[in-house]
Amino acid sequence: MKGSEFERRVRKIARSRNLACQFVADKGKGSHGRLYLGNEFTTLKDRKKEIGRDLLAKMCADLKIDPHDL
């Protein structure tokens, strides 16, 4: 899964749970940024590159969502 696809799926979860979701590019270096879901956040690396399985699991844990919901 690419970073942009992860962001798109998190936004879909946010709509279904009625939570705010936003990406802030200023909160990261280079192509990194911070993705907020409600009060939780995680760092999203380059949105054009693939996200590894372990990183995906960590990002889902940061946002308190189940990876299988994606």
C-alpha atoms as a PDB file:
ATOM      1  CA  MET A   1       0.000   0.000   0.000  1.00  0.00           C
ATOM      2  CA  LYS A   2       1.315   3.449  -0.876  1.00  0.00           C
ATOM      3  CA  GLY A   3       1.213   6.418   1.471  1.00  0.00           C
ATOM      4  CA  SER A   4      -1.475   8.159  -0.558  1.00  0.00           C
ATOM      5  CA  GLU A   5      -3.661   5.048  -0.460  1.00  0.00           C
ATOM      6  CA  PHE A   6      -3.195   4.798   3.323  1.00  0.00           C
ATOM      7  CA  GLU A   7      -4.244   8.437   3.701  1.00  0.00           C
ATOM      8  CA  ARG A   8      -7.298   7.881   1.497  1.00  0.00           C
ATOM      9  CA  ARG A   9      -8.397   4.853   3.518  1.00  0.00           C
ATOM     10  CA  VAL A  10      -7.866   6.646   6.844  1.00  0.00           C
ATOM     11  CA  ARG A  11     -10.016   9.520   5.562  1.00  0.00           C
ATOM     12  CA  LYS A  12     -12.759   7.002   4.709  1.00  0.00           C
ATOM     13  CA  ILE A  13     -12.579   5.576   8.257  1.00  0.00           C
ATOM     14  CA  ALA A  14     -12.721   9.130   9.647  1.00  0.00           C
ATOM     15  CA  ARG A  15     -15.911   9.854   7.688  1.00  0.00           C
ATOM     16  CA  SER A  16     -17.543   6.631   8.886  1.00  0.00           C
ATOM     17  CA  ARG A  17     -16.600   7.360  12.528  1.00  0.00           C
ATOM     18  CA  ASN A  18     -17.388  11.070  12.249  1.00  0.00           C
ATOM     19  CA  LEU A  19     -13.811  12.116  13.171  1.00  0.00           C
ATOM     20  CA  ALA A  20     -11.629  14.926  11.862  1.00  0.00           C
ATOM     21  CA  CYS A  21      -8.766  13.865   9.590  1.00  0.00           C
ATOM     22  CA  GLN A  22      -6.044  16.065   8.143  1.00  0.00           C
ATOM     23  CA  PHE A  23      -2.521  15.858   6.747  1.00  0.00           C
ATOM     24  CA  VAL A  24      -0.047  18.552   7.837  1.00  0.00           C
ATOM     25  CA  ALA A  25       3.081  18.671   5.671  1.00  0.00           C
ATOM     26  CA  ASP A  26       4.746  21.318   7.883  1.00  0.00           C
ATOM     27  CA  LYS A  27       5.158  18.807  10.728  1.00  0.00           C
ATOM     28  CA  GLY A  28       7.732  16.661   8.902  1.00  0.00           C
ATOM     29  CA  LYS A  29      11.037  16.833   7.095  1.00  0.00           C
ATOM     30  CA  GLY A  30      11.155  16.530   3.326  1.00  0.00           C
ATOM     31  CA  SER A  31       8.322  14.418   2.018  1.00  0.00           C
ATOM     32  CA  HIS A  32       7.175  13.385   5.518  1.00  0.00           C
ATOM     33  CA  GLY A  33       4.152  14.871   7.238  1.00  0.00           C
ATOM     34  CA  ARG A  34       1.808  14.294  10.125  1.00  0.00           C
ATOM     35  CA  LEU A  35      -1.558  12.615   9.661  1.00  0.00           C
ATOM     36  CA  TYR A  36      -4.147  13.402  12.336  1.00  0.00           C
ATOM     37  CA  LEU A  37      -7.199  11.245  13.033  1.00  0.00           C
ATOM     38  CA  GLY A  38      -9.267  12.804  15.786  1.00  0.00           C
ATOM     39  CA  ASN A  39      -6.839  13.358  18.687  1.00  0.00           C
ATOM     40  CA  GLU A  40      -4.358  10.731  17.471  1.00  0.00           C
ATOM     41  CA  PHE A  41      -1.544  11.245  14.955  1.00  0.00           C
ATOM     42  CA  THR A  42       1.181   9.417  13.089  1.00  0.00           C
ATOM     43  CA  THR A  43       4.003  10.397  10.757  1.00  0.00           C
ATOM     44  CA  LEU A  44       3.312   9.572   7.134  1.00  0.00           C
ATOM     45  CA  LYS A  45       6.356   9.142   4.918  1.00  0.00           C
ATOM     46  CA  ASP A  46       6.474   9.884   1.197  1.00  0.00           C
ATOM     47  CA  ARG A  47       2.949   9.412  -0.156  1.00  0.00           C
ATOM     48  CA  LYS A  48       4.319   8.118  -3.472  1.00  0.00           C
ATOM     49  CA  LYS A  49       6.243   5.182  -1.962  1.00  0.00           C
ATOM     50  CA  GLU A  50       5.192   1.823  -0.601  1.00  0.00           C
ATOM     51  CA  ILE A  51       4.650   1.376   3.145  1.00  0.00           C
ATOM     52  CA  GLY A  52       6.116  -1.809   4.601  1.00  0.00           C
ATOM     53  CA  ARG A  53       4.003  -4.216   6.626  1.00  0.00           C
ATOM     54  CA  ASP A  54       5.635  -3.404   9.977  1.00  0.00           C
ATOM     55  CA  LEU A  55       5.457   0.349   9.440  1.00  0.00           C
ATOM     56  CA  LEU A  56       1.810   0.019   8.427  1.00  0.00           C
ATOM     57  CA  ALA A  57       1.059  -1.866  11.659  1.00  0.00           C
ATOM     58  CA  LYS A  58       2.847   0.807  13.722  1.00  0.00           C
ATOM     59  CA  MET A  59       1.005   3.654  11.991  1.00  0.00           C
ATOM     60  CA  CYS A  60      -2.341   1.916  12.575  1.00  0.00           C
ATOM     61  CA  ALA A  61      -1.431   1.431  16.249  1.00  0.00           C
ATOM     62  CA  ASP A  62      -0.567   5.149  16.509  1.00  0.00           C
ATOM     63  CA  LEU A  63      -3.993   6.048  15.117  1.00  0.00           C
ATOM     64  CA  LYS A  64      -5.710   3.337  17.204  1.00  0.00           C
ATOM     65  CA  ILE A  65      -7.285   1.645  14.187  1.00  0.00           C
ATOM     66  CA  ASP A  66      -7.231  -1.999  13.169  1.00  0.00           C
ATOM     67  CA  PRO A  67      -5.059  -2.660  10.083  1.00  0.00           C
ATOM     68  CA  HIS A  68      -7.783  -5.012   8.830  1.00  0.00           C
ATOM     69  CA  ASP A  69     -10.217  -2.058   8.694  1.00  0.00           C
ATOM     70  CA  LEU A  70      -8.135  -0.594   5.890  1.00  0.00           C
END
